């Protein structure tokens, strides 16, 4: 029996949507776990342990797949990879884990959802890139949804606290 093309395309769509949903759930769970760990041992320690574990997993995977511990790269490539690691893993993730502890995972994730908007505006201002009309609509929808989410939660908490008193 032959499966119609429409069904196989539908299945691919469901696979992508399912992967996005699972990723979102895992992202949420990881933010809660990192918040809990950050409160217990400190955000810098969490970042250091996580980075060491990630390096270990990366080395094992690299050895299994390619048979070497380190990839072949030029000195310039190693420099830029190292600089990217220091900025991204050292500075950026340390700030993220500190935010988890300071303002909580919910607000931290809301701020992270603004990253593509900041990147688009930065590319527009610094690189002269053009932001399409559809991208502007997407930015407006994202800002509206994030604002609604933040203010809706704040109003619910205020009502809850006023009813308790």
Protein backbone atom coordinates (compact mmCIF):
# COMPACT_ATOMS: atom_id res chain seq x y z
CA UNK A 1 0.00 0.00 0.00
CA UNK A 2 1.34 3.37 -0.97
CA UNK A 3 1.20 6.31 1.46
CA UNK A 4 -0.03 9.55 -0.15
CA UNK A 5 2.48 12.39 -0.33
CA UNK A 6 0.24 14.63 1.78
CA UNK A 7 0.46 12.25 4.73
CA UNK A 8 4.26 12.04 4.61
CA UNK A 9 4.52 15.85 4.44
CA UNK A 10 2.12 16.10 7.38
CA UNK A 11 4.28 13.71 9.36
CA UNK A 12 7.37 15.82 8.70
CA UNK A 13 5.47 18.87 9.88
CA UNK A 14 4.42 17.07 13.05
CA UNK A 15 8.01 15.97 13.67
CA UNK A 16 9.23 19.56 13.46
CA UNK A 17 6.46 20.88 15.66
CA UNK A 18 7.00 18.09 18.16
CA UNK A 19 10.73 18.83 18.26
CA UNK A 20 9.98 22.51 18.91
CA UNK A 21 7.56 21.64 21.71
CA UNK A 22 10.00 19.21 23.35
CA UNK A 23 12.78 21.80 23.06
CA UNK A 24 10.59 24.40 24.74
CA UNK A 25 9.74 22.02 27.58
CA UNK A 26 13.38 21.05 28.10
CA UNK A 27 14.43 24.73 28.01
CA UNK A 28 11.89 25.47 30.75
CA UNK A 29 12.98 22.50 32.86
CA UNK A 30 16.66 23.42 32.50
CA UNK A 31 15.99 27.00 33.61
CA UNK A 32 14.30 25.68 36.77
CA UNK A 33 17.14 23.23 37.45
CA UNK A 34 19.83 25.89 36.90
CA UNK A 35 17.92 28.30 39.15
CA UNK A 36 17.77 25.74 41.94
CA UNK A 37 21.45 24.87 41.55
CA UNK A 38 22.42 28.55 41.40
CA UNK A 39 20.63 29.24 44.68
CA UNK A 40 22.49 26.36 46.35
CA UNK A 41 26.07 26.72 45.06
CA UNK A 42 26.11 30.08 43.25
CA UNK A 43 25.66 30.99 39.62
CA UNK A 44 29.39 31.13 38.83
CA UNK A 45 29.92 27.62 40.20
CA UNK A 46 26.96 26.32 38.20
CA UNK A 47 28.40 27.84 35.05
CA UNK A 48 31.85 26.41 35.73
CA UNK A 49 30.56 22.88 36.40
CA UNK A 50 28.22 23.00 33.40
CA UNK A 51 31.02 24.17 31.11
CA UNK A 52 33.39 21.44 32.32
CA UNK A 53 30.70 18.78 31.81
CA UNK A 54 29.93 20.13 28.33
CA UNK A 55 33.63 20.04 27.39
CA UNK A 56 33.82 16.43 28.60
CA UNK A 57 30.77 15.39 26.56
CA UNK A 58 32.11 17.27 23.53
CA UNK A 59 35.51 15.54 23.74
CA UNK A 60 33.92 12.09 24.08
CA UNK A 61 31.58 12.77 21.15
CA UNK A 62 34.45 14.11 19.04
CA UNK A 63 36.59 11.05 19.75
CA UNK A 64 33.71 8.69 18.91
CA UNK A 65 32.71 10.45 15.70
CA UNK A 66 36.05 11.74 14.36
CA UNK A 67 38.69 9.78 16.26
CA UNK A 68 40.52 12.84 17.60
CA UNK A 69 40.24 14.91 20.75
CA UNK A 70 40.53 18.30 19.02
CA UNK A 71 39.39 19.37 15.56
CA UNK A 72 41.90 20.53 13.00
CA UNK A 73 41.89 24.32 12.87
CA UNK A 74 44.21 27.21 12.09
CA UNK A 75 45.54 29.57 14.78
CA UNK A 76 43.06 32.24 13.67
CA UNK A 77 40.16 29.83 13.93
CA UNK A 78 41.26 28.78 17.44
CA UNK A 79 41.52 32.43 18.46
CA UNK A 80 37.98 33.28 17.31
CA UNK A 81 36.57 30.06 18.77
CA UNK A 82 38.25 30.87 22.11
CA UNK A 83 37.03 34.47 22.06
CA UNK A 84 33.51 33.26 21.30
CA UNK A 85 33.71 30.81 24.19
CA UNK A 86 34.90 33.45 26.64
CA UNK A 87 32.17 35.89 25.66
CA UNK A 88 29.35 33.36 25.26
CA UNK A 89 30.07 30.77 27.92
CA UNK A 90 32.01 32.95 30.34
CA UNK A 91 30.25 36.30 30.29
CA UNK A 92 26.84 35.57 28.72
CA UNK A 93 25.97 32.38 30.57
CA UNK A 94 27.31 33.71 33.87
CA UNK A 95 24.92 36.64 33.46
CA UNK A 96 22.07 34.29 32.57
CA UNK A 97 22.60 32.08 35.62
CA UNK A 98 22.93 35.15 37.85
CA UNK A 99 19.63 36.42 36.40
CA UNK A 100 17.98 33.07 37.17
CA UNK A 101 18.91 33.53 40.82
CA UNK A 102 18.29 37.29 41.01
CA UNK A 103 15.07 37.86 39.05
CA UNK A 104 13.91 34.26 38.68
CA UNK A 105 13.58 31.91 35.74
CA UNK A 106 10.26 33.29 34.45
CA UNK A 107 11.49 36.85 33.99
CA UNK A 108 14.89 35.66 32.75
CA UNK A 109 13.28 33.59 30.00
CA UNK A 110 11.07 36.54 29.06
CA UNK A 111 14.16 38.73 28.69
CA UNK A 112 15.89 36.01 26.63
CA UNK A 113 12.92 36.02 24.25
CA UNK A 114 13.96 39.59 23.39
CA UNK A 115 17.38 38.46 22.10
CA UNK A 116 16.32 38.14 18.43
CA UNK A 117 14.76 41.61 18.58
CA UNK A 118 17.95 43.11 20.03
CA UNK A 119 19.99 41.29 17.37
CA UNK A 120 17.77 42.65 14.58
CA UNK A 121 17.88 46.21 15.88
CA UNK A 122 21.64 45.95 16.44
CA UNK A 123 22.16 44.67 12.89
CA UNK A 124 20.04 47.54 11.60
CA UNK A 125 21.94 50.19 13.55
CA UNK A 126 25.49 48.83 13.25
CA UNK A 127 25.49 46.93 9.96
CA UNK A 128 22.86 48.78 7.97
CA UNK A 129 20.71 45.67 7.50
CA UNK A 130 17.13 46.20 6.40
CA UNK A 131 14.34 44.93 8.64
CA UNK A 132 11.46 43.72 6.47
CA UNK A 133 7.85 44.64 7.13
CA UNK A 134 7.11 41.04 8.11
CA UNK A 135 9.98 41.13 10.62
CA UNK A 136 8.61 44.35 12.10
CA UNK A 137 5.20 42.68 12.48
CA UNK A 138 6.93 39.74 14.18
CA UNK A 139 8.77 42.10 16.52
CA UNK A 140 5.51 43.87 17.39
CA UNK A 141 3.73 40.56 18.07
CA UNK A 142 6.61 39.34 20.22
CA UNK A 143 6.77 42.57 22.23
CA UNK A 144 2.99 42.54 22.68
CA UNK A 145 2.95 38.91 23.83
CA UNK A 146 5.84 39.42 26.24
CA UNK A 147 4.27 42.57 27.67
CA UNK A 148 0.92 40.86 28.07
CA UNK A 149 2.55 37.85 29.73
CA UNK A 150 4.47 40.01 32.17
CA UNK A 151 1.59 42.33 33.12
CA UNK A 152 -0.99 39.56 33.26
CA UNK A 153 1.15 37.62 35.76
CA UNK A 154 1.77 40.78 37.82
CA UNK A 155 -1.98 41.52 38.01
CA UNK A 156 -2.79 37.94 39.05
CA UNK A 157 -0.21 38.09 41.85
CA UNK A 158 -1.51 41.45 43.07
CA UNK A 159 -5.07 40.08 43.23
CA UNK A 160 -3.86 36.98 45.07
CA UNK A 161 -1.97 38.99 47.68
CA UNK A 162 -4.83 41.47 48.17
CA UNK A 163 -7.29 38.61 48.75
CA UNK A 164 -5.00 37.03 51.37
CA UNK A 165 -4.81 40.26 53.37
